[in-house]
Amino acid sequence: MNKFEIIADFNNHTEADLAKGLLESYGIKSIKHSDDCGGAAGGQTFIRGVQLLVSKDDLKKAKEILKFH
């Protein structure tokens, strides 16, 4: 079972989706997590943000990719 680590916090889903797509283009799967009731309480992302998580196995490579983009 893979453990997941938070790689970054974003202000909104759009920013998180861009980073998620970039990681996926390198073959790294990621998970978005936010506390906005499935989008019904979208204002919550301004307070708590959107987290992007990756497998511990991919953490180092994912950090390098996001660092340069």
PDB file of N, CA and C in Angstrom:
ATOM      1  N   MET A   1       0.831  -1.170   0.000  1.00  0.00           N
ATOM      2  CA  MET A   1       0.000   0.000   0.000  1.00  0.00           C
ATOM      3  C   MET A   1       0.889   1.251   0.000  1.00  0.00           C
ATOM      4  N   ASN A   2       0.662   2.117  -0.935  1.00  0.00           N
ATOM      5  CA  ASN A   2       1.430   3.357  -1.012  1.00  0.00           C
ATOM      6  C   ASN A   2       0.878   4.383  -0.053  1.00  0.00           C
ATOM      7  N   LYS A   3       1.766   5.081   0.584  1.00  0.00           N
ATOM      8  CA  LYS A   3       1.382   6.226   1.420  1.00  0.00           C
ATOM      9  C   LYS A   3       1.490   7.472   0.566  1.00  0.00           C
ATOM     10  N   PHE A   4       0.642   8.422   0.820  1.00  0.00           N
ATOM     11  CA  PHE A   4       0.652   9.664   0.056  1.00  0.00           C
ATOM     12  C   PHE A   4       1.127  10.819   0.923  1.00  0.00           C
ATOM     13  N   GLU A   5       1.821  11.737   0.289  1.00  0.00           N
ATOM     14  CA  GLU A   5       2.337  12.925   0.953  1.00  0.00           C
ATOM     15  C   GLU A   5       1.824  14.158   0.223  1.00  0.00           C
ATOM     16  N   ILE A   6       1.608  15.226   0.968  1.00  0.00           N
ATOM     17  CA  ILE A   6       1.230  16.500   0.353  1.00  0.00           C
ATOM     18  C   ILE A   6       2.469  17.077  -0.317  1.00  0.00           C
ATOM     19  N   ILE A   7       2.334  17.372  -1.596  1.00  0.00           N
ATOM     20  CA  ILE A   7       3.454  17.965  -2.317  1.00  0.00           C
ATOM     21  C   ILE A   7       3.310  19.471  -2.436  1.00  0.00           C
ATOM     22  N   ALA A   8       2.069  19.963  -2.457  1.00  0.00           N
ATOM     23  CA  ALA A   8       1.863  21.399  -2.604  1.00  0.00           C
ATOM     24  C   ALA A   8       0.451  21.779  -2.177  1.00  0.00           C
ATOM     25  N   ASP A   9       0.320  23.042  -1.782  1.00  0.00           N
ATOM     26  CA  ASP A   9      -0.977  23.643  -1.489  1.00  0.00           C
ATOM     27  C   ASP A   9      -1.236  24.727  -2.523  1.00  0.00           C
ATOM     28  N   PHE A  10      -2.458  24.771  -3.030  1.00  0.00           N
ATOM     29  CA  PHE A  10      -2.821  25.752  -4.048  1.00  0.00           C
ATOM     30  C   PHE A  10      -4.007  26.575  -3.569  1.00  0.00           C
ATOM     31  N   ASN A  11      -4.174  27.731  -4.154  1.00  0.00           N
ATOM     32  CA  ASN A  11      -5.268  28.623  -3.776  1.00  0.00           C
ATOM     33  C   ASN A  11      -6.614  28.191  -4.331  1.00  0.00           C
ATOM     34  N   ASN A  12      -6.601  27.405  -5.434  1.00  0.00           N
ATOM     35  CA  ASN A  12      -7.861  27.008  -6.061  1.00  0.00           C
ATOM     36  C   ASN A  12      -7.678  25.734  -6.871  1.00  0.00           C
ATOM     37  N   HIS A  13      -8.792  25.208  -7.340  1.00  0.00           N
ATOM     38  CA  HIS A  13      -8.755  23.958  -8.106  1.00  0.00           C
ATOM     39  C   HIS A  13      -8.033  24.119  -9.446  1.00  0.00           C
ATOM     40  N   THR A  14      -8.140  25.271 -10.059  1.00  0.00           N
ATOM     41  CA  THR A  14      -7.505  25.476 -11.362  1.00  0.00           C
ATOM     42  C   THR A  14      -5.996  25.324 -11.260  1.00  0.00           C
ATOM     43  N   GLU A  15      -5.387  25.952 -10.267  1.00  0.00           N
ATOM     44  CA  GLU A  15      -3.944  25.831 -10.084  1.00  0.00           C
ATOM     45  C   GLU A  15      -3.552  24.384  -9.789  1.00  0.00           C
ATOM     46  N   ALA A  16      -4.327  23.730  -8.936  1.00  0.00           N
ATOM     47  CA  ALA A  16      -4.044  22.337  -8.594  1.00  0.00           C
ATOM     48  C   ALA A  16      -4.194  21.431  -9.812  1.00  0.00           C
ATOM     49  N   ASP A  17      -5.198  21.695 -10.645  1.00  0.00           N
ATOM     50  CA  ASP A  17      -5.408  20.893 -11.852  1.00  0.00           C
ATOM     51  C   ASP A  17      -4.250  21.038 -12.829  1.00  0.00           C
ATOM     52  N   LEU A  18      -3.702  22.243 -12.946  1.00  0.00           N
ATOM     53  CA  LEU A  18      -2.557  22.454 -13.836  1.00  0.00           C
ATOM     54  C   LEU A  18      -1.349  21.647 -13.362  1.00  0.00           C
ATOM     55  N   ALA A  19      -1.080  21.688 -12.071  1.00  0.00           N
ATOM     56  CA  ALA A  19       0.043  20.924 -11.522  1.00  0.00           C
ATOM     57  C   ALA A  19      -0.212  19.423 -11.652  1.00  0.00           C
ATOM     58  N   LYS A  20      -1.437  19.004 -11.409  1.00  0.00           N
ATOM     59  CA  LYS A  20      -1.805  17.595 -11.536  1.00  0.00           C
ATOM     60  C   LYS A  20      -1.584  17.112 -12.969  1.00  0.00           C
ATOM     61  N   GLY A  21      -2.011  17.913 -13.939  1.00  0.00           N
ATOM     62  CA  GLY A  21      -1.822  17.553 -15.343  1.00  0.00           C
ATOM     63  C   GLY A  21      -0.359  17.477 -15.716  1.00  0.00           C
ATOM     64  N   LEU A  22       0.439  18.399 -15.202  1.00  0.00           N
ATOM     65  CA  LEU A  22       1.873  18.383 -15.475  1.00  0.00           C
ATOM     66  C   LEU A  22       2.500  17.109 -14.930  1.00  0.00           C
ATOM     67  N   LEU A  23       2.189  16.764 -13.697  1.00  0.00           N
ATOM     68  CA  LEU A  23       2.739  15.538 -13.111  1.00  0.00           C
ATOM     69  C   LEU A  23       2.292  14.312 -13.893  1.00  0.00           C
ATOM     70  N   GLU A  24       1.034  14.277 -14.301  1.00  0.00           N
ATOM     71  CA  GLU A  24       0.543  13.133 -15.068  1.00  0.00           C
ATOM     72  C   GLU A  24       1.240  13.012 -16.415  1.00  0.00           C
ATOM     73  N   SER A  25       1.657  14.150 -16.997  1.00  0.00           N
ATOM     74  CA  SER A  25       2.380  14.083 -18.268  1.00  0.00           C
ATOM     75  C   SER A  25       3.741  13.421 -18.096  1.00  0.00           C
ATOM     76  N   TYR A  26       4.244  13.369 -16.866  1.00  0.00           N
ATOM     77  CA  TYR A  26       5.497  12.678 -16.549  1.00  0.00           C
ATOM     78  C   TYR A  26       5.242  11.291 -15.970  1.00  0.00           C
ATOM     79  N   GLY A  27       3.993  10.854 -15.976  1.00  0.00           N
ATOM     80  CA  GLY A  27       3.652   9.524 -15.490  1.00  0.00           C
ATOM     81  C   GLY A  27       3.467   9.430 -13.986  1.00  0.00           C
ATOM     82  N   ILE A  28       3.311  10.560 -13.313  1.00  0.00           N
ATOM     83  CA  ILE A  28       3.133  10.562 -11.863  1.00  0.00           C
ATOM     84  C   ILE A  28       1.661  10.819 -11.549  1.00  0.00           C
ATOM     85  N   LYS A  29       1.052   9.871 -10.863  1.00  0.00           N
ATOM     86  CA  LYS A  29      -0.349  10.026 -10.464  1.00  0.00           C
ATOM     87  C   LYS A  29      -0.417  10.862  -9.193  1.00  0.00           C
ATOM     88  N   SER A  30      -1.449  11.676  -9.114  1.00  0.00           N
ATOM     89  CA  SER A  30      -1.624  12.516  -7.939  1.00  0.00           C
ATOM     90  C   SER A  30      -3.099  12.590  -7.576  1.00  0.00           C
ATOM     91  N   ILE A  31      -3.357  13.068  -6.361  1.00  0.00           N
ATOM     92  CA  ILE A  31      -4.711  13.173  -5.839  1.00  0.00           C
ATOM     93  C   ILE A  31      -4.907  14.600  -5.341  1.00  0.00           C
ATOM     94  N   LYS A  32      -6.039  15.196  -5.705  1.00  0.00           N
ATOM     95  CA  LYS A  32      -6.398  16.512  -5.170  1.00  0.00           C
ATOM     96  C   LYS A  32      -7.264  16.312  -3.937  1.00  0.00           C
ATOM     97  N   HIS A  33      -7.037  17.150  -2.948  1.00  0.00           N
ATOM     98  CA  HIS A  33      -7.865  17.108  -1.748  1.00  0.00           C
ATOM     99  C   HIS A  33      -8.249  18.525  -1.366  1.00  0.00           C
ATOM    100  N   SER A  34      -9.538  18.726  -1.148  1.00  0.00           N
ATOM    101  CA  SER A  34     -10.006  20.031  -0.689  1.00  0.00           C
ATOM    102  C   SER A  34     -11.220  19.825   0.203  1.00  0.00           C
ATOM    103  N   ASP A  35     -11.458  20.787   1.063  1.00  0.00           N
ATOM    104  CA  ASP A  35     -12.588  20.709   1.967  1.00  0.00           C
ATOM    105  C   ASP A  35     -13.646  21.716   1.524  1.00  0.00           C
ATOM    106  N   ASP A  36     -14.204  21.459   0.328  1.00  0.00           N
ATOM    107  CA  ASP A  36     -15.201  22.390  -0.216  1.00  0.00           C
ATOM    108  C   ASP A  36     -16.505  21.687  -0.560  1.00  0.00           C
ATOM    109  N   CYS A  37     -16.784  20.602   0.120  1.00  0.00           N
ATOM    110  CA  CYS A  37     -18.037  19.854  -0.046  1.00  0.00           C
ATOM    111  C   CYS A  37     -18.286  19.461  -1.500  1.00  0.00           C
ATOM    112  N   GLY A  38     -17.252  18.964  -2.148  1.00  0.00           N
ATOM    113  CA  GLY A  38     -17.387  18.535  -3.533  1.00  0.00           C
ATOM    114  C   GLY A  38     -17.676  19.674  -4.489  1.00  0.00           C
ATOM    115  N   GLY A  39     -17.236  20.865  -4.147  1.00  0.00           N
ATOM    116  CA  GLY A  39     -17.448  22.027  -5.004  1.00  0.00           C
ATOM    117  C   GLY A  39     -18.662  22.854  -4.612  1.00  0.00           C
ATOM    118  N   ALA A  40     -19.501  22.319  -3.719  1.00  0.00           N
ATOM    119  CA  ALA A  40     -20.705  23.039  -3.317  1.00  0.00           C
ATOM    120  C   ALA A  40     -20.391  24.272  -2.469  1.00  0.00           C
ATOM    121  N   ALA A  41     -19.270  24.235  -1.780  1.00  0.00           N
ATOM    122  CA  ALA A  41     -18.855  25.372  -0.949  1.00  0.00           C
ATOM    123  C   ALA A  41     -17.514  25.878  -1.463  1.00  0.00           C
ATOM    124  N   GLY A  42     -17.515  26.325  -2.691  1.00  0.00           N
ATOM    125  CA  GLY A  42     -16.277  26.727  -3.363  1.00  0.00           C
ATOM    126  C   GLY A  42     -15.477  27.781  -2.638  1.00  0.00           C
ATOM    127  N   GLY A  43     -16.114  28.618  -1.842  1.00  0.00           N
ATOM    128  CA  GLY A  43     -15.408  29.640  -1.099  1.00  0.00           C
ATOM    129  C   GLY A  43     -14.437  29.078  -0.076  1.00  0.00           C
ATOM    130  N   GLN A  44     -14.646  27.838   0.314  1.00  0.00           N
ATOM    131  CA  GLN A  44     -13.756  27.208   1.289  1.00  0.00           C
ATOM    132  C   GLN A  44     -12.338  27.068   0.769  1.00  0.00           C
ATOM    133  N   THR A  45     -12.168  26.966  -0.550  1.00  0.00           N
ATOM    134  CA  THR A  45     -10.815  26.799  -1.074  1.00  0.00           C
ATOM    135  C   THR A  45      -9.983  28.051  -0.826  1.00  0.00           C
ATOM    136  N   PHE A  46     -10.610  29.201  -0.701  1.00  0.00           N
ATOM    137  CA  PHE A  46      -9.864  30.421  -0.402  1.00  0.00           C
ATOM    138  C   PHE A  46      -9.357  30.416   1.029  1.00  0.00           C
ATOM    139  N   ILE A  47     -10.043  29.686   1.889  1.00  0.00           N
ATOM    140  CA  ILE A  47      -9.653  29.618   3.291  1.00  0.00           C
ATOM    141  C   ILE A  47      -8.655  28.491   3.520  1.00  0.00           C
ATOM    142  N   ARG A  48      -8.950  27.333   2.983  1.00  0.00           N
ATOM    143  CA  ARG A  48      -8.146  26.143   3.269  1.00  0.00           C
ATOM    144  C   ARG A  48      -7.294  25.673   2.101  1.00  0.00           C
ATOM    145  N   GLY A  49      -7.574  26.159   0.917  1.00  0.00           N
ATOM    146  CA  GLY A  49      -6.791  25.778  -0.238  1.00  0.00           C
ATOM    147  C   GLY A  49      -7.108  24.388  -0.762  1.00  0.00           C
ATOM    148  N   VAL A  50      -6.331  23.988  -1.738  1.00  0.00           N
ATOM    149  CA  VAL A  50      -6.455  22.670  -2.360  1.00  0.00           C
ATOM    150  C   VAL A  50      -5.086  22.012  -2.269  1.00  0.00           C
ATOM    151  N   GLN A  51      -5.054  20.816  -1.722  1.00  0.00           N
ATOM    152  CA  GLN A  51      -3.792  20.099  -1.569  1.00  0.00           C
ATOM    153  C   GLN A  51      -3.622  19.103  -2.701  1.00  0.00           C
ATOM    154  N   LEU A  52      -2.384  18.939  -3.127  1.00  0.00           N
ATOM    155  CA  LEU A  52      -2.046  17.927  -4.119  1.00  0.00           C
ATOM    156  C   LEU A  52      -1.143  16.904  -3.446  1.00  0.00           C
ATOM    157  N   LEU A  53      -1.524  15.640  -3.551  1.00  0.00           N
ATOM    158  CA  LEU A  53      -0.792  14.565  -2.909  1.00  0.00           C
ATOM    159  C   LEU A  53      -0.230  13.615  -3.952  1.00  0.00           C
ATOM    160  N   VAL A  54       0.950  13.080  -3.671  1.00  0.00           N
ATOM    161  CA  VAL A  54       1.558  12.065  -4.524  1.00  0.00           C
ATOM    162  C   VAL A  54       2.062  10.927  -3.644  1.00  0.00           C
ATOM    163  N   SER A  55       2.314   9.800  -4.271  1.00  0.00           N
ATOM    164  CA  SER A  55       2.873   8.654  -3.568  1.00  0.00           C
ATOM    165  C   SER A  55       4.253   9.014  -3.024  1.00  0.00           C
ATOM    166  N   LYS A  56       4.588   8.463  -1.861  1.00  0.00           N
ATOM    167  CA  LYS A  56       5.921   8.700  -1.290  1.00  0.00           C
ATOM    168  C   LYS A  56       7.009   8.280  -2.284  1.00  0.00           C
ATOM    169  N   ASP A  57       6.732   7.254  -3.067  1.00  0.00           N
ATOM    170  CA  ASP A  57       7.710   6.773  -4.041  1.00  0.00           C
ATOM    171  C   ASP A  57       7.994   7.805  -5.130  1.00  0.00           C
ATOM    172  N   ASP A  58       7.021   8.658  -5.438  1.00  0.00           N
ATOM    173  CA  ASP A  58       7.161   9.661  -6.501  1.00  0.00           C
ATOM    174  C   ASP A  58       7.459  11.066  -5.972  1.00  0.00           C
ATOM    175  N   LEU A  59       7.546  11.219  -4.667  1.00  0.00           N
ATOM    176  CA  LEU A  59       7.646  12.543  -4.062  1.00  0.00           C
ATOM    177  C   LEU A  59       8.850  13.340  -4.562  1.00  0.00           C
ATOM    178  N   LYS A  60      10.017  12.749  -4.563  1.00  0.00           N
ATOM    179  CA  LYS A  60      11.232  13.467  -4.969  1.00  0.00           C
ATOM    180  C   LYS A  60      11.147  13.922  -6.430  1.00  0.00           C
ATOM    181  N   LYS A  61      10.755  13.019  -7.306  1.00  0.00           N
ATOM    182  CA  LYS A  61      10.650  13.354  -8.733  1.00  0.00           C
ATOM    183  C   LYS A  61       9.586  14.429  -8.958  1.00  0.00           C
ATOM    184  N   ALA A  62       8.461  14.313  -8.265  1.00  0.00           N
ATOM    185  CA  ALA A  62       7.372  15.285  -8.425  1.00  0.00           C
ATOM    186  C   ALA A  62       7.808  16.674  -7.962  1.00  0.00           C
ATOM    187  N   LYS A  63       8.546  16.753  -6.864  1.00  0.00           N
ATOM    188  CA  LYS A  63       9.043  18.039  -6.380  1.00  0.00           C
ATOM    189  C   LYS A  63       9.962  18.686  -7.407  1.00  0.00           C
ATOM    190  N   GLU A  64      10.818  17.879  -8.015  1.00  0.00           N
ATOM    191  CA  GLU A  64      11.730  18.400  -9.033  1.00  0.00           C
ATOM    192  C   GLU A  64      10.958  18.942 -10.231  1.00  0.00           C
ATOM    193  N   ILE A  65       9.941  18.234 -10.649  1.00  0.00           N
ATOM    194  CA  ILE A  65       9.137  18.654 -11.807  1.00  0.00           C
ATOM    195  C   ILE A  65       8.422  19.970 -11.503  1.00  0.00           C
ATOM    196  N   LEU A  66       7.764  20.063 -10.359  1.00  0.00           N
ATOM    197  CA  LEU A  66       7.020  21.274 -10.026  1.00  0.00           C
ATOM    198  C   LEU A  66       7.951  22.461  -9.760  1.00  0.00           C
ATOM    199  N   LYS A  67       9.140  22.177  -9.292  1.00  0.00           N
ATOM    200  CA  LYS A  67      10.112  23.239  -9.003  1.00  0.00           C
ATOM    201  C   LYS A  67      10.511  24.010 -10.242  1.00  0.00           C
ATOM    202  N   PHE A  68      10.595  23.331 -11.372  1.00  0.00           N
ATOM    203  CA  PHE A  68      11.074  23.953 -12.607  1.00  0.00           C
ATOM    204  C   PHE A  68       9.954  24.445 -13.510  1.00  0.00           C
ATOM    205  N   HIS A  69       8.713  24.328 -13.084  1.00  0.00           N
ATOM    206  CA  HIS A  69       7.594  24.772 -13.937  1.00  0.00           C
ATOM    207  C   HIS A  69       6.776  25.805 -13.259  1.00  0.00           C
TER     208      HIS A  69
END
